[in-house]
C-alpha atoms as a PDB file:
ATOM      1  CA  MET A   1      15.759  -9.377 -19.271  1.00  0.00           C
ATOM      2  CA  THR A   2      12.235  -8.606 -20.538  1.00  0.00           C
ATOM      3  CA  THR A   3       9.915 -10.457 -22.803  1.00  0.00           C
ATOM      4  CA  ARG A   4       7.906  -9.045 -25.073  1.00  0.00           C
ATOM      5  CA  ARG A   5       5.455 -10.405 -22.640  1.00  0.00           C
ATOM      6  CA  ASP A   6       6.086  -9.101 -19.702  1.00  0.00           C
ATOM      7  CA  THR A   7       6.014  -5.679 -21.082  1.00  0.00           C
ATOM      8  CA  ALA A   8       2.484  -6.066 -22.228  1.00  0.00           C
ATOM      9  CA  MET A   9       1.456  -7.506 -19.378  1.00  0.00           C
ATOM     10  CA  SER A  10       2.854  -4.325 -17.876  1.00  0.00           C
ATOM     11  CA  THR A  11       1.199  -2.145 -20.208  1.00  0.00           C
ATOM     12  CA  PHE A  12      -1.965  -3.224 -19.484  1.00  0.00           C
ATOM     13  CA  ARG A  13      -1.829  -2.979 -15.784  1.00  0.00           C
ATOM     14  CA  THR A  14      -0.860   0.214 -15.959  1.00  0.00           C
ATOM     15  CA  SER A  15      -3.398   1.253 -18.680  1.00  0.00           C
ATOM     16  CA  ALA A  16      -5.966  -1.069 -16.709  1.00  0.00           C
ATOM     17  CA  GLY A  17      -5.353   0.893 -13.160  1.00  0.00           C
ATOM     18  CA  LEU A  18      -5.759   4.618 -15.147  1.00  0.00           C
ATOM     19  CA  ALA A  19      -8.751   3.124 -16.086  1.00  0.00           C
ATOM     20  CA  ALA A  20      -9.602   2.367 -12.763  1.00  0.00           C
ATOM     21  CA  ILE A  21      -8.504   5.140 -11.402  1.00  0.00           C
ATOM     22  CA  MET A  22     -10.303   7.838 -14.254  1.00  0.00           C
ATOM     23  CA  VAL A  23     -13.365   6.048 -13.249  1.00  0.00           C
ATOM     24  CA  GLY A  24     -13.130   6.415  -9.459  1.00  0.00           C
ATOM     25  CA  PHE A  25     -13.246  10.011  -9.606  1.00  0.00           C
ATOM     26  CA  VAL A  26     -16.383   9.851 -11.749  1.00  0.00           C
ATOM     27  CA  THR A  27     -17.586   7.726  -8.754  1.00  0.00           C
ATOM     28  CA  LEU A  28     -16.678  10.776  -7.087  1.00  0.00           C
ATOM     29  CA  LEU A  29     -18.786  12.974  -8.719  1.00  0.00           C
ATOM     30  CA  LEU A  30     -21.164  10.873  -8.967  1.00  0.00           C
ATOM     31  CA  SER A  31     -21.313  10.526  -5.252  1.00  0.00           C
ATOM     32  CA  ARG A  32     -21.125  14.317  -4.479  1.00  0.00           C
ATOM     33  CA  GLN A  33     -24.229  14.634  -6.046  1.00  0.00           C
ATOM     34  CA  ILE A  34     -26.448  12.617  -4.125  1.00  0.00           C
ATOM     35  CA  ASP A  35     -27.231  14.153  -0.801  1.00  0.00           C
ATOM     36  CA  GLY A  36     -27.828  10.729   1.186  1.00  0.00           C
ATOM     37  CA  GLY A  37     -28.720   6.887   1.131  1.00  0.00           C
ATOM     38  CA  PHE A  38     -27.956   4.001  -0.043  1.00  0.00           C
ATOM     39  CA  TRP A  39     -26.528   4.830  -3.517  1.00  0.00           C
ATOM     40  CA  HIS A  40     -24.726   8.204  -1.846  1.00  0.00           C
ATOM     41  CA  GLY A  41     -23.094   5.254   0.257  1.00  0.00           C
ATOM     42  CA  PHE A  42     -22.447   2.918  -2.969  1.00  0.00           C
ATOM     43  CA  PHE A  43     -21.387   5.284  -5.278  1.00  0.00           C
ATOM     44  CA  GLN A  44     -19.246   6.909  -1.773  1.00  0.00           C
ATOM     45  CA  GLY A  45     -17.179   2.848  -1.789  1.00  0.00           C
ATOM     46  CA  ALA A  46     -16.977   2.168  -5.149  1.00  0.00           C
ATOM     47  CA  THR A  47     -14.286   5.246  -5.061  1.00  0.00           C
ATOM     48  CA  VAL A  48     -12.356   3.867  -2.511  1.00  0.00           C
ATOM     49  CA  ALA A  49     -12.323   0.339  -3.763  1.00  0.00           C
ATOM     50  CA  LEU A  50     -12.164   2.069  -7.755  1.00  0.00           C
ATOM     51  CA  MET A  51      -8.620   3.974  -6.423  1.00  0.00           C
ATOM     52  CA  VAL A  52      -6.393   1.461  -4.426  1.00  0.00           C
ATOM     53  CA  LEU A  53      -7.148  -1.050  -7.507  1.00  0.00           C
ATOM     54  CA  GLY A  54      -5.732   1.623  -9.746  1.00  0.00           C
ATOM     55  CA  ALA A  55      -2.882   2.500  -7.600  1.00  0.00           C
ATOM     56  CA  PHE A  56      -2.195  -1.474  -6.962  1.00  0.00           C
ATOM     57  CA  PHE A  57      -2.716  -1.828 -11.127  1.00  0.00           C
ATOM     58  CA  VAL A  58      -0.378   0.935 -12.516  1.00  0.00           C
ATOM     59  CA  GLY A  59       2.256   0.477  -8.752  1.00  0.00           C
ATOM     60  CA  SER A  60       2.415  -3.573 -10.361  1.00  0.00           C
ATOM     61  CA  GLY A  61       2.865  -2.283 -14.118  1.00  0.00           C
ATOM     62  CA  ILE A  62       5.435   0.395 -12.908  1.00  0.00           C
ATOM     63  CA  TRP A  63       7.523  -1.585 -10.636  1.00  0.00           C
ATOM     64  CA  PRO A  64       9.110  -4.505 -11.964  1.00  0.00           C
ATOM     65  CA  ARG A  65       8.242  -7.834  -9.672  1.00  0.00           C
ATOM     66  CA  ARG A  66      10.987 -10.067  -8.240  1.00  0.00           C
ATOM     67  CA  ARG A  67      12.020 -13.647 -11.563  1.00  0.00           C
ATOM     68  CA  ALA A  68      10.542 -16.616 -10.566  1.00  0.00           C
ATOM     69  CA  ASP A  69      13.455 -18.290 -12.395  1.00  0.00           C
ATOM     70  CA  GLY A  70      16.020 -17.638  -9.408  1.00  0.00           C
ATOM     71  CA  ASP A  71      18.038 -14.885 -11.070  1.00  0.00           C
ATOM     72  CA  GLU A  72      20.410 -13.440  -8.146  1.00  0.00           C
ATOM     73  CA  GLN A  73      22.774 -11.362  -9.799  1.00  0.00           C
ATOM     74  CA  GLU A  74      19.796  -8.749 -10.308  1.00  0.00           C
ATOM     75  CA  HIS A  75      19.149  -8.931  -6.400  1.00  0.00           C
ATOM     76  CA  TRP A  76      21.808  -7.357  -3.380  1.00  0.00           C
ATOM     77  CA  LEU A  77      21.599 -10.081  -0.756  1.00  0.00           C
ATOM     78  CA  PRO A  78      23.802  -8.842   2.421  1.00  0.00           C
ATOM     79  CA  SER A  79      24.797 -12.762   3.575  1.00  0.00           C
ATOM     80  CA  ARG A  80      27.414 -12.271   0.154  1.00  0.00           C
ATOM     81  CA  ASP A  81      29.162  -8.882   0.060  1.00  0.00           C
ATOM     82  CA  GLY A  82      31.704  -9.315   2.090  1.00  0.00           C
ATOM     83  CA  SER A  83      29.886  -8.217   6.123  1.00  0.00           C
ATOM     84  CA  GLY A  84      30.387 -11.497   7.830  1.00  0.00           C
ATOM     85  CA  ASP A  85      33.441 -12.462   6.616  1.00  0.00           C
ATOM     86  CA  GLY A  86      34.881 -11.068   9.850  1.00  0.00           C
ATOM     87  CA  ARG A  87      36.254  -7.053   9.311  1.00  0.00           C
END
């Protein structure tokens, strides 16, 4: 069961991730316009960092997290499926 706070946080993470990816594309274009030097490397590094951060945020916003309240009904455990009872 998801709460309103979980849904809001998921939406925020997905939106923040997409925004980071879009800014990453802007820094990619800027790095392509500058031939060399400090600013070329700066924008290339910013591109990589923003793309990785954006992918992390989008992934954490889309896929559900493990519940902290210990609800084990949602998760499959190999020790509880009857496979270890000697059959």
